[in-house]
PDB file of N, CA and C in Angstrom:
ATOM      1  N   UNK A   1      60.039 219.490-103.084  1.00  0.00           N
ATOM      2  CA  UNK A   1      60.879 218.308-103.183  1.00  0.00           C
ATOM      3  C   UNK A   1      61.009 217.664-101.805  1.00  0.00           C
ATOM      4  N   UNK A   2      60.899 216.383-101.757  1.00  0.00           N
ATOM      5  CA  UNK A   2      60.924 215.633-100.505  1.00  0.00           C
ATOM      6  C   UNK A   2      62.352 215.532 -99.957  1.00  0.00           C
ATOM      7  N   UNK A   3      62.504 215.840 -98.669  1.00  0.00           N
ATOM      8  CA  UNK A   3      63.782 215.695 -97.987  1.00  0.00           C
ATOM      9  C   UNK A   3      63.908 214.247 -97.523  1.00  0.00           C
ATOM     10  N   UNK A   4      64.839 213.492 -98.071  1.00  0.00           N
ATOM     11  CA  UNK A   4      64.954 212.064 -97.779  1.00  0.00           C
ATOM     12  C   UNK A   4      65.830 211.833 -96.554  1.00  0.00           C
ATOM     13  N   UNK A   5      65.202 211.378 -95.468  1.00  0.00           N
ATOM     14  CA  UNK A   5      65.894 211.113 -94.212  1.00  0.00           C
ATOM     15  C   UNK A   5      66.092 209.625 -93.968  1.00  0.00           C
ATOM     16  N   UNK A   6      66.109 208.822 -95.018  1.00  0.00           N
ATOM     17  CA  UNK A   6      66.167 207.371 -94.874  1.00  0.00           C
ATOM     18  C   UNK A   6      67.348 206.924 -94.034  1.00  0.00           C
ATOM     19  N   UNK A   7      68.522 207.427 -94.316  1.00  0.00           N
ATOM     20  CA  UNK A   7      69.717 207.002 -93.571  1.00  0.00           C
ATOM     21  C   UNK A   7      69.610 207.375 -92.094  1.00  0.00           C
ATOM     22  N   UNK A   8      69.113 208.553 -91.801  1.00  0.00           N
ATOM     23  CA  UNK A   8      68.950 208.977 -90.410  1.00  0.00           C
ATOM     24  C   UNK A   8      67.977 208.070 -89.666  1.00  0.00           C
ATOM     25  N   UNK A   9      66.860 207.718 -90.331  1.00  0.00           N
ATOM     26  CA  UNK A   9      65.888 206.852 -89.675  1.00  0.00           C
ATOM     27  C   UNK A   9      66.446 205.452 -89.477  1.00  0.00           C
ATOM     28  N   UNK A  10      67.258 204.973 -90.409  1.00  0.00           N
ATOM     29  CA  UNK A  10      67.879 203.646 -90.246  1.00  0.00           C
ATOM     30  C   UNK A  10      68.838 203.647 -89.052  1.00  0.00           C
ATOM     31  N   UNK A  11      69.588 204.719 -88.868  1.00  0.00           N
ATOM     32  CA  UNK A  11      70.473 204.835 -87.701  1.00  0.00           C
ATOM     33  C   UNK A  11      69.648 204.810 -86.423  1.00  0.00           C
ATOM     34  N   UNK A  12      68.551 205.538 -86.414  1.00  0.00           N
ATOM     35  CA  UNK A  12      67.679 205.563 -85.244  1.00  0.00           C
ATOM     36  C   UNK A  12      67.116 204.177 -84.953  1.00  0.00           C
ATOM     37  N   UNK A  13      66.593 203.504 -85.985  1.00  0.00           N
ATOM     38  CA  UNK A  13      66.033 202.167 -85.793  1.00  0.00           C
ATOM     39  C   UNK A  13      67.088 201.177 -85.312  1.00  0.00           C
ATOM     40  N   UNK A  14      68.292 201.257 -85.849  1.00  0.00           N
ATOM     41  CA  UNK A  14      69.375 200.385 -85.378  1.00  0.00           C
ATOM     42  C   UNK A  14      69.715 200.667 -83.923  1.00  0.00           C
ATOM     43  N   UNK A  15      69.658 201.922 -83.537  1.00  0.00           N
ATOM     44  CA  UNK A  15      69.960 202.307 -82.162  1.00  0.00           C
ATOM     45  C   UNK A  15      68.923 201.752 -81.183  1.00  0.00           C
ATOM     46  N   UNK A  16      67.649 201.893 -81.500  1.00  0.00           N
ATOM     47  CA  UNK A  16      66.619 201.473 -80.551  1.00  0.00           C
ATOM     48  C   UNK A  16      66.581 199.962 -80.382  1.00  0.00           C
ATOM     49  N   UNK A  17      66.980 199.215 -81.394  1.00  0.00           N
ATOM     50  CA  UNK A  17      66.963 197.752 -81.258  1.00  0.00           C
ATOM     51  C   UNK A  17      68.019 197.262 -80.278  1.00  0.00           C
ATOM     52  N   UNK A  18      68.958 198.110 -79.919  1.00  0.00           N
ATOM     53  CA  UNK A  18      70.014 197.725 -78.966  1.00  0.00           C
ATOM     54  C   UNK A  18      69.645 198.029 -77.516  1.00  0.00           C
ATOM     55  N   UNK A  19      68.543 198.714 -77.300  1.00  0.00           N
ATOM     56  CA  UNK A  19      68.106 199.061 -75.941  1.00  0.00           C
ATOM     57  C   UNK A  19      67.382 197.852 -75.340  1.00  0.00           C
ATOM     58  N   UNK A  20      67.966 197.249 -74.312  1.00  0.00           N
ATOM     59  CA  UNK A  20      67.410 196.020 -73.728  1.00  0.00           C
ATOM     60  C   UNK A  20      66.110 196.261 -72.964  1.00  0.00           C
ATOM     61  N   UNK A  21      65.797 197.508 -72.653  1.00  0.00           N
ATOM     62  CA  UNK A  21      64.540 197.812 -71.960  1.00  0.00           C
ATOM     63  C   UNK A  21      63.330 197.681 -72.878  1.00  0.00           C
ATOM     64  N   UNK A  22      63.550 197.759 -74.162  1.00  0.00           N
ATOM     65  CA  UNK A  22      62.452 197.780 -75.118  1.00  0.00           C
ATOM     66  C   UNK A  22      62.062 196.372 -75.547  1.00  0.00           C
ATOM     67  N   UNK A  23      60.744 196.150 -75.606  1.00  0.00           N
ATOM     68  CA  UNK A  23      60.254 194.872 -76.109  1.00  0.00           C
ATOM     69  C   UNK A  23      59.560 195.103 -77.455  1.00  0.00           C
ATOM     70  N   UNK A  24      58.901 194.078 -77.938  1.00  0.00           N
ATOM     71  CA  UNK A  24      58.298 194.145 -79.262  1.00  0.00           C
ATOM     72  C   UNK A  24      57.242 195.253 -79.375  1.00  0.00           C
ATOM     73  N   UNK A  25      56.512 195.535 -78.301  1.00  0.00           N
ATOM     74  CA  UNK A  25      55.475 196.574 -78.365  1.00  0.00           C
ATOM     75  C   UNK A  25      56.080 197.968 -78.417  1.00  0.00           C
ATOM     76  N   UNK A  26      57.162 198.189 -77.649  1.00  0.00           N
ATOM     77  CA  UNK A  26      57.865 199.476 -77.734  1.00  0.00           C
ATOM     78  C   UNK A  26      58.393 199.685 -79.152  1.00  0.00           C
ATOM     79  N   UNK A  27      59.025 198.642 -79.684  1.00  0.00           N
ATOM     80  CA  UNK A  27      59.610 198.748 -81.019  1.00  0.00           C
ATOM     81  C   UNK A  27      58.537 198.974 -82.077  1.00  0.00           C
ATOM     82  N   UNK A  28      57.389 198.324 -81.917  1.00  0.00           N
ATOM     83  CA  UNK A  28      56.292 198.525 -82.868  1.00  0.00           C
ATOM     84  C   UNK A  28      55.813 199.976 -82.850  1.00  0.00           C
ATOM     85  N   UNK A  29      55.681 200.549 -81.653  1.00  0.00           N
ATOM     86  CA  UNK A  29      55.255 201.951 -81.554  1.00  0.00           C
ATOM     87  C   UNK A  29      56.303 202.897 -82.128  1.00  0.00           C
ATOM     88  N   UNK A  30      57.575 202.659 -81.812  1.00  0.00           N
ATOM     89  CA  UNK A  30      58.630 203.521 -82.351  1.00  0.00           C
ATOM     90  C   UNK A  30      58.713 203.391 -83.867  1.00  0.00           C
ATOM     91  N   UNK A  31      58.554 202.177 -84.369  1.00  0.00           N
ATOM     92  CA  UNK A  31      58.553 201.990 -85.817  1.00  0.00           C
ATOM     93  C   UNK A  31      57.386 202.733 -86.459  1.00  0.00           C
ATOM     94  N   UNK A  32      56.217 202.676 -85.827  1.00  0.00           N
ATOM     95  CA  UNK A  32      55.056 203.401 -86.340  1.00  0.00           C
ATOM     96  C   UNK A  32      55.318 204.906 -86.348  1.00  0.00           C
ATOM     97  N   UNK A  33      55.954 205.416 -85.303  1.00  0.00           N
ATOM     98  CA  UNK A  33      56.287 206.848 -85.247  1.00  0.00           C
ATOM     99  C   UNK A  33      57.254 207.225 -86.358  1.00  0.00           C
ATOM    100  N   UNK A  34      58.255 206.380 -86.587  1.00  0.00           N
ATOM    101  CA  UNK A  34      59.218 206.648 -87.660  1.00  0.00           C
ATOM    102  C   UNK A  34      58.513 206.624 -89.012  1.00  0.00           C
ATOM    103  N   UNK A  35      57.628 205.663 -89.200  1.00  0.00           N
ATOM    104  CA  UNK A  35      56.898 205.579 -90.463  1.00  0.00           C
ATOM    105  C   UNK A  35      56.043 206.826 -90.679  1.00  0.00           C
ATOM    106  N   UNK A  36      55.349 207.271 -89.640  1.00  0.00           N
ATOM    107  CA  UNK A  36      54.538 208.485 -89.764  1.00  0.00           C
ATOM    108  C   UNK A  36      55.414 209.715 -90.001  1.00  0.00           C
ATOM    109  N   UNK A  37      56.536 209.795 -89.311  1.00  0.00           N
ATOM    110  CA  UNK A  37      57.439 210.932 -89.494  1.00  0.00           C
ATOM    111  C   UNK A  37      57.967 210.966 -90.932  1.00  0.00           C
ATOM    112  N   UNK A  38      58.330 209.806 -91.439  1.00  0.00           N
ATOM    113  CA  UNK A  38      58.839 209.723 -92.804  1.00  0.00           C
ATOM    114  C   UNK A  38      57.767 210.143 -93.802  1.00  0.00           C
ATOM    115  N   UNK A  39      56.546 209.671 -93.576  1.00  0.00           N
ATOM    116  CA  UNK A  39      55.423 210.017 -94.450  1.00  0.00           C
ATOM    117  C   UNK A  39      55.133 211.509 -94.408  1.00  0.00           C
ATOM    118  N   UNK A  40      55.252 212.102 -93.215  1.00  0.00           N
ATOM    119  CA  UNK A  40      54.987 213.535 -93.039  1.00  0.00           C
ATOM    120  C   UNK A  40      56.203 214.393 -93.385  1.00  0.00           C
ATOM    121  N   UNK A  41      57.329 213.742 -93.715  1.00  0.00           N
ATOM    122  CA  UNK A  41      58.579 214.435 -94.017  1.00  0.00           C
ATOM    123  C   UNK A  41      59.032 215.305 -92.840  1.00  0.00           C
ATOM    124  N   UNK A  42      58.910 214.748 -91.654  1.00  0.00           N
ATOM    125  CA  UNK A  42      59.328 215.418 -90.427  1.00  0.00           C
ATOM    126  C   UNK A  42      60.519 214.677 -89.844  1.00  0.00           C
ATOM    127  N   UNK A  43      61.297 215.370 -89.031  1.00  0.00           N
ATOM    128  CA  UNK A  43      62.444 214.695 -88.430  1.00  0.00           C
ATOM    129  C   UNK A  43      62.319 214.526 -86.924  1.00  0.00           C
ATOM    130  N   UNK A  44      61.573 215.356 -86.244  1.00  0.00           N
ATOM    131  CA  UNK A  44      61.450 215.184 -84.795  1.00  0.00           C
ATOM    132  C   UNK A  44      60.021 215.293 -84.276  1.00  0.00           C
ATOM    133  N   UNK A  45      59.226 216.195 -84.783  1.00  0.00           N
ATOM    134  CA  UNK A  45      57.868 216.382 -84.266  1.00  0.00           C
ATOM    135  C   UNK A  45      56.865 215.799 -85.261  1.00  0.00           C
ATOM    136  N   UNK A  46      56.071 214.832 -84.760  1.00  0.00           N
ATOM    137  CA  UNK A  46      55.159 214.098 -85.612  1.00  0.00           C
ATOM    138  C   UNK A  46      53.729 214.331 -85.135  1.00  0.00           C
ATOM    139  N   UNK A  47      52.820 214.578 -86.064  1.00  0.00           N
ATOM    140  CA  UNK A  47      51.399 214.706 -85.737  1.00  0.00           C
ATOM    141  C   UNK A  47      50.796 213.303 -85.721  1.00  0.00           C
ATOM    142  N   UNK A  48      50.150 212.963 -84.607  1.00  0.00           N
ATOM    143  CA  UNK A  48      49.669 211.590 -84.433  1.00  0.00           C
ATOM    144  C   UNK A  48      48.238 211.552 -83.916  1.00  0.00           C
ATOM    145  N   UNK A  49      47.645 210.402 -84.085  1.00  0.00           N
ATOM    146  CA  UNK A  49      46.393 210.072 -83.421  1.00  0.00           C
ATOM    147  C   UNK A  49      46.560 208.666 -82.851  1.00  0.00           C
ATOM    148  N   UNK A  50      45.881 208.412 -81.759  1.00  0.00           N
ATOM    149  CA  UNK A  50      45.979 207.098 -81.123  1.00  0.00           C
ATOM    150  C   UNK A  50      45.548 206.004 -82.086  1.00  0.00           C
ATOM    151  N   UNK A  51      44.455 206.232 -82.789  1.00  0.00           N
ATOM    152  CA  UNK A  51      43.948 205.195 -83.696  1.00  0.00           C
ATOM    153  C   UNK A  51      44.938 204.884 -84.815  1.00  0.00           C
ATOM    154  N   UNK A  52      45.592 205.910 -85.343  1.00  0.00           N
ATOM    155  CA  UNK A  52      46.578 205.698 -86.409  1.00  0.00           C
ATOM    156  C   UNK A  52      47.790 204.941 -85.877  1.00  0.00           C
ATOM    157  N   UNK A  53      48.302 205.342 -84.711  1.00  0.00           N
ATOM    158  CA  UNK A  53      49.452 204.644 -84.127  1.00  0.00           C
ATOM    159  C   UNK A  53      49.122 203.185 -83.811  1.00  0.00           C
ATOM    160  N   UNK A  54      47.933 202.952 -83.282  1.00  0.00           N
ATOM    161  CA  UNK A  54      47.531 201.582 -82.977  1.00  0.00           C
ATOM    162  C   UNK A  54      47.427 200.748 -84.248  1.00  0.00           C
ATOM    163  N   UNK A  55      46.887 201.321 -85.299  1.00  0.00           N
ATOM    164  CA  UNK A  55      46.744 200.590 -86.553  1.00  0.00           C
ATOM    165  C   UNK A  55      48.101 200.261 -87.174  1.00  0.00           C
ATOM    166  N   UNK A  56      48.985 201.246 -87.232  1.00  0.00           N
ATOM    167  CA  UNK A  56      50.292 201.038 -87.864  1.00  0.00           C
ATOM    168  C   UNK A  56      51.160 200.087 -87.046  1.00  0.00           C
ATOM    169  N   UNK A  57      51.052 200.145 -85.711  1.00  0.00           N
ATOM    170  CA  UNK A  57      51.871 199.286 -84.859  1.00  0.00           C
ATOM    171  C   UNK A  57      51.230 197.927 -84.587  1.00  0.00           C
ATOM    172  N   UNK A  58      50.012 197.715 -85.091  1.00  0.00           N
ATOM    173  CA  UNK A  58      49.278 196.448 -84.905  1.00  0.00           C
ATOM    174  C   UNK A  58      48.995 196.147 -83.440  1.00  0.00           C
ATOM    175  N   UNK A  59      48.797 197.189 -82.653  1.00  0.00           N
ATOM    176  CA  UNK A  59      48.375 197.031 -81.263  1.00  0.00           C
ATOM    177  C   UNK A  59      46.860 197.149 -81.252  1.00  0.00           C
ATOM    178  N   UNK A  60      46.190 196.134 -80.712  1.00  0.00           N
ATOM    179  CA  UNK A  60      44.737 196.081 -80.828  1.00  0.00           C
ATOM    180  C   UNK A  60      43.973 196.542 -79.593  1.00  0.00           C
ATOM    181  N   UNK A  61      44.635 196.660 -78.440  1.00  0.00           N
ATOM    182  CA  UNK A  61      43.910 197.061 -77.233  1.00  0.00           C
ATOM    183  C   UNK A  61      44.475 198.361 -76.674  1.00  0.00           C
ATOM    184  N   UNK A  62      43.558 199.202 -76.193  1.00  0.00           N
ATOM    185  CA  UNK A  62      43.970 200.492 -75.626  1.00  0.00           C
ATOM    186  C   UNK A  62      44.885 200.360 -74.415  1.00  0.00           C
ATOM    187  N   UNK A  63      44.623 199.425 -73.474  1.00  0.00           N
ATOM    188  CA  UNK A  63      45.532 199.315 -72.321  1.00  0.00           C
ATOM    189  C   UNK A  63      46.974 198.989 -72.726  1.00  0.00           C
ATOM    190  N   UNK A  64      47.134 198.121 -73.711  1.00  0.00           N
ATOM    191  CA  UNK A  64      48.489 197.792 -74.186  1.00  0.00           C
ATOM    192  C   UNK A  64      49.141 199.017 -74.801  1.00  0.00           C
ATOM    193  N   UNK A  65      48.405 199.709 -75.639  1.00  0.00           N
ATOM    194  CA  UNK A  65      48.925 200.924 -76.268  1.00  0.00           C
ATOM    195  C   UNK A  65      49.362 201.937 -75.215  1.00  0.00           C
ATOM    196  N   UNK A  66      48.489 202.226 -74.259  1.00  0.00           N
ATOM    197  CA  UNK A  66      48.789 203.246 -73.256  1.00  0.00           C
ATOM    198  C   UNK A  66      49.964 202.843 -72.368  1.00  0.00           C
ATOM    199  N   UNK A  67      50.049 201.593 -72.007  1.00  0.00           N
ATOM    200  CA  UNK A  67      51.155 201.119 -71.165  1.00  0.00           C
ATOM    201  C   UNK A  67      52.499 201.362 -71.839  1.00  0.00           C
ATOM    202  N   UNK A  68      52.644 200.927 -73.075  1.00  0.00           N
ATOM    203  CA  UNK A  68      53.939 201.026 -73.742  1.00  0.00           C
ATOM    204  C   UNK A  68      54.229 202.428 -74.256  1.00  0.00           C
ATOM    205  N   UNK A  69      53.192 203.172 -74.604  1.00  0.00           N
ATOM    206  CA  UNK A  69      53.384 204.563 -75.004  1.00  0.00           C
ATOM    207  C   UNK A  69      53.888 205.374 -73.814  1.00  0.00           C
ATOM    208  N   UNK A  70      53.315 205.133 -72.643  1.00  0.00           N
ATOM    209  CA  UNK A  70      53.757 205.820 -71.423  1.00  0.00           C
ATOM    210  C   UNK A  70      55.196 205.446 -71.085  1.00  0.00           C
ATOM    211  N   UNK A  71      55.546 204.183 -71.228  1.00  0.00           N
ATOM    212  CA  UNK A  71      56.915 203.758 -70.935  1.00  0.00           C
ATOM    213  C   UNK A  71      57.918 204.415 -71.880  1.00  0.00           C
ATOM    214  N   UNK A  72      57.559 204.603 -73.143  1.00  0.00           N
ATOM    215  CA  UNK A  72      58.455 205.299 -74.065  1.00  0.00           C
ATOM    216  C   UNK A  72      58.706 206.731 -73.601  1.00  0.00           C
ATOM    217  N   UNK A  73      57.689 207.353 -73.005  1.00  0.00           N
ATOM    218  CA  UNK A  73      57.865 208.687 -72.439  1.00  0.00           C
ATOM    219  C   UNK A  73      58.806 208.624 -71.236  1.00  0.00           C
ATOM    220  N   UNK A  74      58.595 207.645 -70.365  1.00  0.00           N
ATOM    221  CA  UNK A  74      59.427 207.493 -69.168  1.00  0.00           C
ATOM    222  C   UNK A  74      60.877 207.176 -69.518  1.00  0.00           C
ATOM    223  N   UNK A  75      61.110 206.409 -70.581  1.00  0.00           N
ATOM    224  CA  UNK A  75      62.465 206.059 -71.010  1.00  0.00           C
ATOM    225  C   UNK A  75      63.163 207.217 -71.707  1.00  0.00           C
ATOM    226  N   UNK A  76      62.438 208.279 -71.999  1.00  0.00           N
ATOM    227  CA  UNK A  76      63.042 209.453 -72.619  1.00  0.00           C
ATOM    228  C   UNK A  76      63.121 209.403 -74.132  1.00  0.00           C
ATOM    229  N   UNK A  77      62.358 208.533 -74.752  1.00  0.00           N
ATOM    230  CA  UNK A  77      62.372 208.464 -76.208  1.00  0.00           C
ATOM    231  C   UNK A  77      61.435 209.474 -76.857  1.00  0.00           C
ATOM    232  N   UNK A  78      60.315 209.767 -76.191  1.00  0.00           N
ATOM    233  CA  UNK A  78      59.333 210.668 -76.796  1.00  0.00           C
ATOM    234  C   UNK A  78      58.788 211.659 -75.777  1.00  0.00           C
ATOM    235  N   UNK A  79      58.301 212.772 -76.307  1.00  0.00           N
ATOM    236  CA  UNK A  79      57.552 213.739 -75.505  1.00  0.00           C
ATOM    237  C   UNK A  79      56.206 213.888 -76.195  1.00  0.00           C
ATOM    238  N   UNK A  80      55.154 213.582 -75.460  1.00  0.00           N
ATOM    239  CA  UNK A  80      53.797 213.616 -76.000  1.00  0.00           C
ATOM    240  C   UNK A  80      53.123 214.910 -75.590  1.00  0.00           C
ATOM    241  N   UNK A  81      52.558 215.616 -76.559  1.00  0.00           N
ATOM    242  CA  UNK A  81      51.796 216.832 -76.294  1.00  0.00           C
ATOM    243  C   UNK A  81      50.387 216.622 -76.820  1.00  0.00           C
ATOM    244  N   UNK A  82      49.432 216.386 -75.902  1.00  0.00           N
ATOM    245  CA  UNK A  82      48.061 216.112 -76.359  1.00  0.00           C
ATOM    246  C   UNK A  82      47.383 217.361 -76.891  1.00  0.00           C
ATOM    247  N   UNK A  83      46.489 217.134 -77.822  1.00  0.00           N
ATOM    248  CA  UNK A  83      45.636 218.201 -78.328  1.00  0.00           C
ATOM    249  C   UNK A  83      44.230 217.911 -77.830  1.00  0.00           C
ATOM    250  N   UNK A  84      43.651 218.862 -77.176  1.00  0.00           N
ATOM    251  CA  UNK A  84      42.310 218.668 -76.658  1.00  0.00           C
ATOM    252  C   UNK A  84      41.246 219.190 -77.618  1.00  0.00           C
ATOM    253  N   UNK A  85      41.682 219.602 -78.787  1.00  0.00           N
ATOM    254  CA  UNK A  85      40.777 220.104 -79.806  1.00  0.00           C
ATOM    255  C   UNK A  85      40.544 218.988 -80.826  1.00  0.00           C
ATOM    256  N   UNK A  86      39.302 218.671 -81.130  1.00  0.00           N
ATOM    257  CA  UNK A  86      39.030 217.557 -82.045  1.00  0.00           C
ATOM    258  C   UNK A  86      39.536 217.783 -83.472  1.00  0.00           C
ATOM    259  N   UNK A  87      39.790 219.020 -83.831  1.00  0.00           N
ATOM    260  CA  UNK A  87      40.259 219.308 -85.178  1.00  0.00           C
ATOM    261  C   UNK A  87      41.764 219.283 -85.340  1.00  0.00           C
ATOM    262  N   UNK A  88      42.493 219.154 -84.243  1.00  0.00           N
ATOM    263  CA  UNK A  88      43.948 219.163 -84.301  1.00  0.00           C
ATOM    264  C   UNK A  88      44.492 217.870 -83.728  1.00  0.00           C
ATOM    265  N   UNK A  89      45.520 217.357 -84.364  1.00  0.00           N
ATOM    266  CA  UNK A  89      46.143 216.141 -83.861  1.00  0.00           C
ATOM    267  C   UNK A  89      47.127 216.474 -82.755  1.00  0.00           C
ATOM    268  N   UNK A  90      47.352 215.482 -81.902  1.00  0.00           N
ATOM    269  CA  UNK A  90      48.387 215.605 -80.879  1.00  0.00           C
ATOM    270  C   UNK A  90      49.749 215.472 -81.558  1.00  0.00           C
ATOM    271  N   UNK A  91      50.799 215.847 -80.836  1.00  0.00           N
ATOM    272  CA  UNK A  91      52.145 215.706 -81.406  1.00  0.00           C
ATOM    273  C   UNK A  91      53.014 214.842 -80.505  1.00  0.00           C
ATOM    274  N   UNK A  92      53.955 214.187 -81.144  1.00  0.00           N
ATOM    275  CA  UNK A  92      54.974 213.418 -80.445  1.00  0.00           C
ATOM    276  C   UNK A  92      56.314 213.933 -80.941  1.00  0.00           C
ATOM    277  N   UNK A  93      57.181 214.243 -79.996  1.00  0.00           N
ATOM    278  CA  UNK A  93      58.533 214.690 -80.328  1.00  0.00           C
ATOM    279  C   UNK A  93      59.494 213.575 -79.967  1.00  0.00           C
ATOM    280  N   UNK A  94      60.339 213.174 -80.915  1.00  0.00           N
ATOM    281  CA  UNK A  94      61.356 212.164 -80.622  1.00  0.00           C
ATOM    282  C   UNK A  94      62.481 212.830 -79.845  1.00  0.00           C
ATOM    283  N   UNK A  95      62.783 212.283 -78.672  1.00  0.00           N
ATOM    284  CA  UNK A  95      63.718 212.925 -77.746  1.00  0.00           C
ATOM    285  C   UNK A  95      64.985 212.151 -77.476  1.00  0.00           C
ATOM    286  N   UNK A  96      65.219 211.050 -78.126  1.00  0.00           N
ATOM    287  CA  UNK A  96      66.294 210.164 -77.710  1.00  0.00           C
ATOM    288  C   UNK A  96      67.537 210.929 -77.270  1.00  0.00           C
ATOM    289  N   UNK A  97      67.918 210.716 -76.028  1.00  0.00           N
ATOM    290  CA  UNK A  97      69.044 211.437 -75.409  1.00  0.00           C
ATOM    291  C   UNK A  97      70.386 210.765 -75.632  1.00  0.00           C
ATOM    292  N   UNK A  98      70.429 209.669 -76.328  1.00  0.00           N
ATOM    293  CA  UNK A  98      71.665 208.902 -76.463  1.00  0.00           C
ATOM    294  C   UNK A  98      72.412 209.245 -77.742  1.00  0.00           C
ATOM    295  N   UNK A  99      72.611 210.525 -78.005  1.00  0.00           N
ATOM    296  CA  UNK A  99      73.397 211.072 -79.099  1.00  0.00           C
ATOM    297  C   UNK A  99      72.783 210.877 -80.483  1.00  0.00           C
ATOM    298  N   UNK A 100      71.624 210.275 -80.576  1.00  0.00           N
ATOM    299  CA  UNK A 100      70.948 210.163 -81.860  1.00  0.00           C
ATOM    300  C   UNK A 100      70.286 211.482 -82.217  1.00  0.00           C
ATOM    301  N   UNK A 101      69.956 212.269 -81.201  1.00  0.00           N
ATOM    302  CA  UNK A 101      69.257 213.534 -81.430  1.00  0.00           C
ATOM    303  C   UNK A 101      69.954 214.391 -82.478  1.00  0.00           C
ATOM    304  N   UNK A 102      71.272 214.407 -82.477  1.00  0.00           N
ATOM    305  CA  UNK A 102      71.997 215.192 -83.466  1.00  0.00           C
ATOM    306  C   UNK A 102      71.858 214.655 -84.883  1.00  0.00           C
ATOM    307  N   UNK A 103      71.487 213.384 -85.000  1.00  0.00           N
ATOM    308  CA  UNK A 103      71.330 212.784 -86.312  1.00  0.00           C
ATOM    309  C   UNK A 103      69.974 213.045 -86.912  1.00  0.00           C
ATOM    310  N   UNK A 104      68.978 213.318 -86.077  1.00  0.00           N
ATOM    311  CA  UNK A 104      67.624 213.474 -86.591  1.00  0.00           C
ATOM    312  C   UNK A 104      67.264 214.909 -86.814  1.00  0.00           C
TER     313      UNK A 104
END
């Protein structure tokens, strides 16, 4: 049976839209992460690939993707753990330190 985290994800999305440091590309990436997490029925650690995140967030160039993905790490929203094995996906952990962590 699927664990429905809809309300928790809505709280998270409402929270990130209030952060003035984030622009449309940050929000697109975070939205893509939330969508993947919801699809995977995960609450904090999401299995990702660059191509999937770029497709879901509608980011078409690698430099744009890498710039804003790195900034999300610097802002403390995510922790990226790369997988160097072609058969395993990398993971992203949602880290938001602004009291949302207890909700997710």
